[in-house]
Amino acid sequence: MPIYEYNCDNCGRFEFLHGPGEGALTRCPKCGSPVRRLFSSRMGVIFHGSGYYVTDHRSEEYRKAARAESAGAGSCSSDSCGK
């Protein structure tokens, strides 16, 4: 269930836990004054399992090319070594 943050001119800021299908509050539950919903900056997202990273969705051709490129990254050619 989502938790939304609201601001009441009389009571100040408060959080409200909404149930399924409930709309946004228009009145303060304590004093009945109009409220404004705030954009909450405290949002946490946790990704479980696979499929969330770019590497989980790359094609096999891309992975082969990346492996070949990283394998050759440590080697020197005669033109670039020692200069």
N, C-alpha and C. Protein backbone atom coordinates (compact mmCIF):
# COMPACT_ATOMS: atom_id res chain seq x y z
N MET A 1 0.85 -1.17 0.00
CA MET A 1 0.00 0.00 0.00
C MET A 1 0.89 1.24 0.00
N PRO A 2 0.56 2.21 -0.82
CA PRO A 2 1.41 3.40 -0.92
C PRO A 2 1.23 4.34 0.27
N ILE A 3 2.32 4.97 0.65
CA ILE A 3 2.31 6.00 1.68
C ILE A 3 2.55 7.33 0.98
N TYR A 4 1.62 8.26 1.14
CA TYR A 4 1.74 9.57 0.53
C TYR A 4 1.99 10.61 1.61
N GLU A 5 2.68 11.67 1.24
CA GLU A 5 2.97 12.76 2.15
C GLU A 5 2.09 13.95 1.79
N TYR A 6 1.49 14.54 2.79
CA TYR A 6 0.57 15.67 2.61
C TYR A 6 1.02 16.83 3.46
N ASN A 7 0.51 18.03 3.12
CA ASN A 7 0.75 19.22 3.92
C ASN A 7 -0.58 19.88 4.23
N CYS A 8 -0.82 20.11 5.53
CA CYS A 8 -2.00 20.81 6.01
C CYS A 8 -1.52 22.16 6.55
N ASP A 9 -2.20 23.25 6.20
CA ASP A 9 -1.79 24.57 6.68
C ASP A 9 -1.88 24.67 8.21
N ASN A 10 -2.81 23.95 8.81
CA ASN A 10 -2.98 24.00 10.27
C ASN A 10 -2.09 22.99 11.00
N CYS A 11 -2.02 21.77 10.52
CA CYS A 11 -1.32 20.69 11.24
C CYS A 11 0.10 20.45 10.76
N GLY A 12 0.44 20.92 9.58
CA GLY A 12 1.78 20.69 9.02
C GLY A 12 1.83 19.42 8.18
N ARG A 13 3.03 18.90 8.01
CA ARG A 13 3.23 17.71 7.18
C ARG A 13 2.82 16.44 7.91
N PHE A 14 2.27 15.50 7.13
CA PHE A 14 1.96 14.19 7.68
C PHE A 14 1.96 13.18 6.56
N GLU A 15 2.11 11.91 6.92
CA GLU A 15 2.06 10.81 5.96
C GLU A 15 0.76 10.05 6.15
N PHE A 16 0.25 9.52 5.05
CA PHE A 16 -1.00 8.78 5.11
C PHE A 16 -0.86 7.51 4.29
N LEU A 17 -1.20 6.39 4.90
CA LEU A 17 -1.15 5.09 4.24
C LEU A 17 -2.48 4.84 3.55
N HIS A 18 -2.44 4.78 2.22
CA HIS A 18 -3.66 4.57 1.43
C HIS A 18 -3.92 3.08 1.23
N GLY A 19 -5.16 2.69 1.34
CA GLY A 19 -5.56 1.33 1.04
C GLY A 19 -5.74 1.14 -0.45
N PRO A 20 -5.96 -0.09 -0.90
CA PRO A 20 -6.16 -0.36 -2.32
C PRO A 20 -7.36 0.40 -2.88
N GLY A 21 -7.15 1.11 -3.96
CA GLY A 21 -8.22 1.81 -4.64
C GLY A 21 -8.64 3.13 -4.01
N GLU A 22 -7.99 3.54 -2.92
CA GLU A 22 -8.34 4.82 -2.30
C GLU A 22 -7.74 5.96 -3.09
N GLY A 23 -8.49 7.04 -3.20
CA GLY A 23 -7.99 8.23 -3.88
C GLY A 23 -7.18 9.09 -2.92
N ALA A 24 -6.64 10.17 -3.46
CA ALA A 24 -5.85 11.09 -2.66
C ALA A 24 -6.75 11.83 -1.67
N LEU A 25 -6.16 12.20 -0.53
CA LEU A 25 -6.90 12.97 0.47
C LEU A 25 -7.14 14.38 -0.03
N THR A 26 -8.26 14.95 0.31
CA THR A 26 -8.53 16.36 0.01
C THR A 26 -8.65 17.17 1.29
N ARG A 27 -8.91 16.48 2.41
CA ARG A 27 -9.07 17.14 3.71
C ARG A 27 -8.17 16.46 4.75
N CYS A 28 -7.70 17.24 5.70
CA CYS A 28 -6.86 16.72 6.78
C CYS A 28 -7.71 15.83 7.69
N PRO A 29 -7.20 14.63 8.01
CA PRO A 29 -7.96 13.73 8.88
C PRO A 29 -8.10 14.26 10.31
N LYS A 30 -7.21 15.16 10.75
CA LYS A 30 -7.27 15.70 12.12
C LYS A 30 -8.20 16.90 12.24
N CYS A 31 -8.01 17.89 11.34
CA CYS A 31 -8.75 19.15 11.51
C CYS A 31 -9.76 19.43 10.41
N GLY A 32 -9.70 18.70 9.30
CA GLY A 32 -10.66 18.90 8.21
C GLY A 32 -10.29 19.99 7.22
N SER A 33 -9.14 20.63 7.41
CA SER A 33 -8.69 21.68 6.49
C SER A 33 -8.25 21.05 5.17
N PRO A 34 -8.26 21.84 4.09
CA PRO A 34 -7.76 21.33 2.81
C PRO A 34 -6.27 20.95 2.92
N VAL A 35 -5.89 19.91 2.20
CA VAL A 35 -4.50 19.46 2.19
C VAL A 35 -3.97 19.42 0.76
N ARG A 36 -2.65 19.49 0.65
CA ARG A 36 -1.96 19.34 -0.63
C ARG A 36 -1.06 18.12 -0.54
N ARG A 37 -1.09 17.31 -1.58
CA ARG A 37 -0.20 16.15 -1.62
C ARG A 37 1.17 16.61 -2.08
N LEU A 38 2.21 16.17 -1.38
CA LEU A 38 3.59 16.54 -1.70
C LEU A 38 4.27 15.43 -2.47
N PHE A 39 5.28 15.79 -3.21
CA PHE A 39 6.10 14.78 -3.88
C PHE A 39 7.13 14.32 -2.88
N SER A 40 7.09 13.07 -2.55
CA SER A 40 7.98 12.52 -1.55
C SER A 40 9.35 12.27 -2.14
N SER A 41 10.37 12.67 -1.42
CA SER A 41 11.74 12.44 -1.88
C SER A 41 12.30 11.14 -1.32
N ARG A 42 11.57 10.50 -0.43
CA ARG A 42 12.04 9.25 0.18
C ARG A 42 11.40 8.07 -0.53
N MET A 43 12.05 7.61 -1.54
CA MET A 43 11.52 6.47 -2.27
C MET A 43 12.62 5.43 -2.39
N GLY A 44 12.32 4.24 -1.99
CA GLY A 44 13.29 3.17 -2.09
C GLY A 44 12.80 2.10 -3.04
N VAL A 45 13.66 1.69 -3.93
CA VAL A 45 13.32 0.63 -4.87
C VAL A 45 14.33 -0.48 -4.70
N ILE A 46 13.84 -1.68 -4.54
CA ILE A 46 14.72 -2.84 -4.40
C ILE A 46 14.38 -3.82 -5.50
N PHE A 47 15.37 -4.17 -6.30
CA PHE A 47 15.18 -5.12 -7.38
C PHE A 47 15.68 -6.49 -6.93
N HIS A 48 14.82 -7.47 -6.98
CA HIS A 48 15.19 -8.84 -6.61
C HIS A 48 15.21 -9.70 -7.86
N GLY A 49 16.12 -10.63 -7.92
CA GLY A 49 16.16 -11.56 -9.03
C GLY A 49 16.97 -11.02 -10.20
N SER A 50 16.82 -11.67 -11.33
CA SER A 50 17.57 -11.25 -12.52
C SER A 50 16.63 -10.52 -13.47
N GLY A 51 17.21 -9.93 -14.49
CA GLY A 51 16.42 -9.24 -15.50
C GLY A 51 16.35 -7.74 -15.33
N TYR A 52 17.06 -7.19 -14.33
CA TYR A 52 16.99 -5.76 -14.08
C TYR A 52 18.21 -5.00 -14.59
N TYR A 53 19.23 -5.71 -14.97
CA TYR A 53 20.45 -5.06 -15.39
C TYR A 53 20.62 -5.22 -16.89
N VAL A 54 21.36 -4.30 -17.49
CA VAL A 54 21.58 -4.32 -18.93
C VAL A 54 22.21 -5.63 -19.36
N THR A 55 23.10 -6.15 -18.55
CA THR A 55 23.79 -7.39 -18.93
C THR A 55 22.85 -8.58 -18.99
N ASP A 56 21.72 -8.51 -18.33
CA ASP A 56 20.75 -9.61 -18.38
C ASP A 56 19.98 -9.64 -19.70
N HIS A 57 20.02 -8.56 -20.45
CA HIS A 57 19.22 -8.46 -21.67
C HIS A 57 20.06 -8.34 -22.94
N ARG A 58 21.36 -8.45 -22.83
CA ARG A 58 22.22 -8.32 -24.00
C ARG A 58 22.13 -9.57 -24.87
N SER A 59 22.30 -9.35 -26.17
CA SER A 59 22.28 -10.48 -27.09
C SER A 59 23.58 -11.28 -26.95
N GLU A 60 23.56 -12.50 -27.41
CA GLU A 60 24.74 -13.35 -27.32
C GLU A 60 25.88 -12.77 -28.16
N GLU A 61 25.57 -12.16 -29.31
CA GLU A 61 26.61 -11.55 -30.15
C GLU A 61 27.30 -10.42 -29.39
N TYR A 62 26.53 -9.61 -28.69
CA TYR A 62 27.10 -8.50 -27.93
C TYR A 62 28.02 -9.03 -26.83
N ARG A 63 27.57 -10.06 -26.13
CA ARG A 63 28.39 -10.62 -25.05
C ARG A 63 29.69 -11.21 -25.57
N LYS A 64 29.65 -11.87 -26.75
CA LYS A 64 30.87 -12.43 -27.34
C LYS A 64 31.84 -11.31 -27.71
N ALA A 65 31.34 -10.25 -28.31
CA ALA A 65 32.19 -9.13 -28.69
C ALA A 65 32.78 -8.45 -27.46
N ALA A 66 32.01 -8.32 -26.40
CA ALA A 66 32.50 -7.69 -25.17
C ALA A 66 33.58 -8.55 -24.52
N ARG A 67 33.39 -9.87 -24.53
CA ARG A 67 34.41 -10.76 -23.97
C ARG A 67 35.71 -10.67 -24.76
N ALA A 68 35.59 -10.64 -26.09
CA ALA A 68 36.78 -10.55 -26.94
C ALA A 68 37.50 -9.23 -26.71
N GLU A 69 36.73 -8.16 -26.56
CA GLU A 69 37.33 -6.84 -26.33
C GLU A 69 38.03 -6.78 -24.97
N SER A 70 37.39 -7.32 -23.94
CA SER A 70 38.01 -7.28 -22.61
C SER A 70 39.21 -8.22 -22.53
N ALA A 71 39.22 -9.30 -23.27
CA ALA A 71 40.36 -10.21 -23.27
C ALA A 71 41.57 -9.54 -23.92
N GLY A 72 41.35 -8.71 -24.91
CA GLY A 72 42.44 -8.04 -25.60
C GLY A 72 42.86 -6.74 -24.94
N ALA A 73 42.15 -6.31 -23.93
CA ALA A 73 42.45 -5.02 -23.30
C ALA A 73 43.77 -5.02 -22.55
N GLY A 74 44.21 -6.15 -22.04
CA GLY A 74 45.44 -6.21 -21.28
C GLY A 74 46.68 -6.39 -22.13
N SER A 75 46.52 -6.64 -23.41
CA SER A 75 47.68 -6.90 -24.26
C SER A 75 48.19 -5.61 -24.89
N CYS A 76 49.46 -5.61 -25.25
CA CYS A 76 50.09 -4.46 -25.90
C CYS A 76 50.48 -4.83 -27.32
N SER A 77 50.33 -3.90 -28.20
CA SER A 77 50.91 -4.08 -29.53
C SER A 77 52.26 -3.38 -29.52
N SER A 78 53.09 -3.68 -30.48
CA SER A 78 54.44 -3.09 -30.50
C SER A 78 54.37 -1.58 -30.71
N ASP A 79 53.29 -1.08 -31.29
CA ASP A 79 53.16 0.35 -31.54
C ASP A 79 52.83 1.13 -30.26
N SER A 80 52.10 0.51 -29.31
CA SER A 80 51.63 1.27 -28.15
C SER A 80 52.40 0.99 -26.86
N CYS A 81 53.17 -0.08 -26.78
CA CYS A 81 53.86 -0.42 -25.54
C CYS A 81 55.17 0.35 -25.42
N GLY A 82 55.45 0.77 -24.20
CA GLY A 82 56.73 1.39 -23.92
C GLY A 82 56.88 2.81 -24.40
N LYS A 83 55.83 3.44 -24.86
CA LYS A 83 55.95 4.83 -25.32
C LYS A 83 55.42 5.78 -24.30
